[in-house]
Amino acid sequence: MADIVLKRSHTFPVDIAKAKLAKLVDSFRTKNPSMVDAVHWTADGTGATATGKMFECQFKVTDADLSVEVELKGFAAKLAKGMAQSRIEKTVGEEFPA
């Protein structure tokens, strides 16, 4: 079960939403290089899974919304949930404003 769940509606065409998702995931990886071990994309580019020592994050975009689900692993990661959620909301807001 995800510890952090974020959903945002959007009105972008799906191709633009996919490009924005790619930029979002790249930004997530760039801002946290020591934490992100790998990113795996779905074949159609509508989803990605980012993994690290203390988390697993699922990104998914459709023609109507974006969802981000994060499973925090370990006690220390769960203690930092508030900070992690704030950073994710800020990064998502850059590409998918509320």
C-alpha atoms as a PDB file:
ATOM      1  CA  MET A   1       0.000   0.000   0.000  1.00  0.00           C
ATOM      2  CA  ALA A   2       1.288   3.451  -0.932  1.00  0.00           C
ATOM      3  CA  ASP A   3       2.346   5.828   1.821  1.00  0.00           C
ATOM      4  CA  ILE A   4       1.967   8.893  -0.402  1.00  0.00           C
ATOM      5  CA  VAL A   5      -0.731   9.196  -3.066  1.00  0.00           C
ATOM      6  CA  LEU A   6      -1.076  12.260  -5.270  1.00  0.00           C
ATOM      7  CA  LYS A   7      -3.612  12.671  -8.085  1.00  0.00           C
ATOM      8  CA  ARG A   8      -3.961  15.664 -10.359  1.00  0.00           C
ATOM      9  CA  SER A   9      -6.494  16.265 -13.093  1.00  0.00           C
ATOM     10  CA  HIS A  10      -5.232  17.900 -16.254  1.00  0.00           C
ATOM     11  CA  THR A  11      -6.551  19.024 -19.629  1.00  0.00           C
ATOM     12  CA  PHE A  12      -3.441  18.336 -21.721  1.00  0.00           C
ATOM     13  CA  PRO A  13      -3.600  16.109 -24.800  1.00  0.00           C
ATOM     14  CA  VAL A  14      -2.108  12.721 -23.918  1.00  0.00           C
ATOM     15  CA  ASP A  15       1.091  13.305 -25.955  1.00  0.00           C
ATOM     16  CA  ILE A  16       1.790  16.551 -24.102  1.00  0.00           C
ATOM     17  CA  ALA A  17       0.929  14.895 -20.785  1.00  0.00           C
ATOM     18  CA  LYS A  18       3.426  12.108 -21.569  1.00  0.00           C
ATOM     19  CA  ALA A  19       6.125  14.686 -22.364  1.00  0.00           C
ATOM     20  CA  LYS A  20       5.354  16.504 -19.118  1.00  0.00           C
ATOM     21  CA  LEU A  21       5.537  13.200 -17.238  1.00  0.00           C
ATOM     22  CA  ALA A  22       8.947  12.483 -18.774  1.00  0.00           C
ATOM     23  CA  LYS A  23      10.147  15.927 -17.681  1.00  0.00           C
ATOM     24  CA  LEU A  24       8.678  15.364 -14.199  1.00  0.00           C
ATOM     25  CA  VAL A  25      10.412  11.997 -13.769  1.00  0.00           C
ATOM     26  CA  ASP A  26      13.687  13.417 -15.104  1.00  0.00           C
ATOM     27  CA  SER A  27      13.416  16.312 -12.637  1.00  0.00           C
ATOM     28  CA  PHE A  28      12.696  13.873  -9.807  1.00  0.00           C
ATOM     29  CA  ARG A  29      15.780  11.858 -10.738  1.00  0.00           C
ATOM     30  CA  THR A  30      17.999  14.925 -11.212  1.00  0.00           C
ATOM     31  CA  LYS A  31      17.013  16.510  -7.899  1.00  0.00           C
ATOM     32  CA  ASN A  32      17.585  13.235  -6.002  1.00  0.00           C
ATOM     33  CA  PRO A  33      20.490  11.507  -7.780  1.00  0.00           C
ATOM     34  CA  SER A  34      21.813   9.706  -4.713  1.00  0.00           C
ATOM     35  CA  MET A  35      18.391   8.303  -3.849  1.00  0.00           C
ATOM     36  CA  VAL A  36      17.144   7.072  -7.235  1.00  0.00           C
ATOM     37  CA  ASP A  37      18.704   3.776  -8.294  1.00  0.00           C
ATOM     38  CA  ALA A  38      16.664   3.109 -11.447  1.00  0.00           C
ATOM     39  CA  VAL A  39      13.739   4.307 -13.552  1.00  0.00           C
ATOM     40  CA  HIS A  40      11.809   1.907 -15.779  1.00  0.00           C
ATOM     41  CA  TRP A  41       9.262   3.170 -18.316  1.00  0.00           C
ATOM     42  CA  THR A  42       6.202   1.438 -19.722  1.00  0.00           C
ATOM     43  CA  ALA A  43       6.409   0.725 -23.444  1.00  0.00           C
ATOM     44  CA  ASP A  44       3.845   3.421 -24.288  1.00  0.00           C
ATOM     45  CA  GLY A  45       5.481   6.110 -22.120  1.00  0.00           C
ATOM     46  CA  THR A  46       2.431   6.661 -19.925  1.00  0.00           C
ATOM     47  CA  GLY A  47       4.029   5.304 -16.780  1.00  0.00           C
ATOM     48  CA  ALA A  48       7.302   4.884 -14.949  1.00  0.00           C
ATOM     49  CA  THR A  49       8.580   3.184 -11.833  1.00  0.00           C
ATOM     50  CA  ALA A  50      11.423   4.797  -9.918  1.00  0.00           C
ATOM     51  CA  THR A  51      13.179   2.756  -7.266  1.00  0.00           C
ATOM     52  CA  GLY A  52      15.712   3.516  -4.589  1.00  0.00           C
ATOM     53  CA  LYS A  53      16.965   2.219  -1.288  1.00  0.00           C
ATOM     54  CA  MET A  54      14.117   3.751   0.686  1.00  0.00           C
ATOM     55  CA  PHE A  55      11.219   3.950  -1.779  1.00  0.00           C
ATOM     56  CA  GLU A  56       9.384   2.726  -4.836  1.00  0.00           C
ATOM     57  CA  CYS A  57       7.430   5.299  -6.816  1.00  0.00           C
ATOM     58  CA  GLN A  58       4.837   4.719  -9.549  1.00  0.00           C
ATOM     59  CA  PHE A  59       4.066   7.540 -11.999  1.00  0.00           C
ATOM     60  CA  LYS A  60       1.133   7.236 -14.394  1.00  0.00           C
ATOM     61  CA  VAL A  61      -0.558   9.641 -16.773  1.00  0.00           C
ATOM     62  CA  THR A  62      -3.806   9.288 -18.704  1.00  0.00           C
ATOM     63  CA  ASP A  63      -5.688  11.703 -20.930  1.00  0.00           C
ATOM     64  CA  ALA A  64      -7.406  13.094 -17.814  1.00  0.00           C
ATOM     65  CA  ASP A  65      -5.081  12.785 -14.828  1.00  0.00           C
ATOM     66  CA  LEU A  66      -1.672  12.133 -13.331  1.00  0.00           C
ATOM     67  CA  SER A  67      -1.082   9.863 -10.377  1.00  0.00           C
ATOM     68  CA  VAL A  68       1.976   9.402  -8.219  1.00  0.00           C
ATOM     69  CA  GLU A  69       2.122   6.663  -5.595  1.00  0.00           C
ATOM     70  CA  VAL A  70       5.093   6.237  -3.288  1.00  0.00           C
ATOM     71  CA  GLU A  71       5.817   3.326  -1.018  1.00  0.00           C
ATOM     72  CA  LEU A  72       8.337   4.313   1.642  1.00  0.00           C
ATOM     73  CA  LYS A  73      10.620   1.521   2.841  1.00  0.00           C
ATOM     74  CA  GLY A  74      12.033   1.542   6.335  1.00  0.00           C
ATOM     75  CA  PHE A  75      11.458   3.469   9.510  1.00  0.00           C
ATOM     76  CA  ALA A  76      13.688   6.420   8.552  1.00  0.00           C
ATOM     77  CA  ALA A  77      11.876   6.884   5.237  1.00  0.00           C
ATOM     78  CA  LYS A  78       8.494   6.825   6.952  1.00  0.00           C
ATOM     79  CA  LEU A  79       9.696   9.494   9.398  1.00  0.00           C
ATOM     80  CA  ALA A  80      10.518  11.733   6.419  1.00  0.00           C
ATOM     81  CA  LYS A  81       7.082  11.247   4.830  1.00  0.00           C
ATOM     82  CA  GLY A  82       5.980  14.872   5.291  1.00  0.00           C
ATOM     83  CA  MET A  83       9.122  16.272   3.728  1.00  0.00           C
ATOM     84  CA  ALA A  84       8.976  13.754   0.858  1.00  0.00           C
ATOM     85  CA  GLN A  85       5.318  14.547   0.171  1.00  0.00           C
ATOM     86  CA  SER A  86       6.003  18.295   0.090  1.00  0.00           C
ATOM     87  CA  ARG A  87       8.869  17.845  -2.370  1.00  0.00           C
ATOM     88  CA  ILE A  88       6.778  15.593  -4.617  1.00  0.00           C
ATOM     89  CA  GLU A  89       3.843  18.020  -4.588  1.00  0.00           C
ATOM     90  CA  LYS A  90       6.169  20.895  -5.499  1.00  0.00           C
ATOM     91  CA  THR A  91       7.806  18.967  -8.351  1.00  0.00           C
ATOM     92  CA  VAL A  92       4.448  17.741  -9.703  1.00  0.00           C
ATOM     93  CA  GLY A  93       3.081  21.286  -9.497  1.00  0.00           C
ATOM     94  CA  GLU A  94       5.807  22.521 -11.840  1.00  0.00           C
ATOM     95  CA  GLU A  95       4.507  20.367 -14.718  1.00  0.00           C
ATOM     96  CA  PHE A  96       0.885  19.744 -13.693  1.00  0.00           C
ATOM     97  CA  PRO A  97      -0.380  22.869 -11.893  1.00  0.00           C
ATOM     98  CA  ALA A  98      -3.465  22.433  -9.745  1.00  0.00           C
END
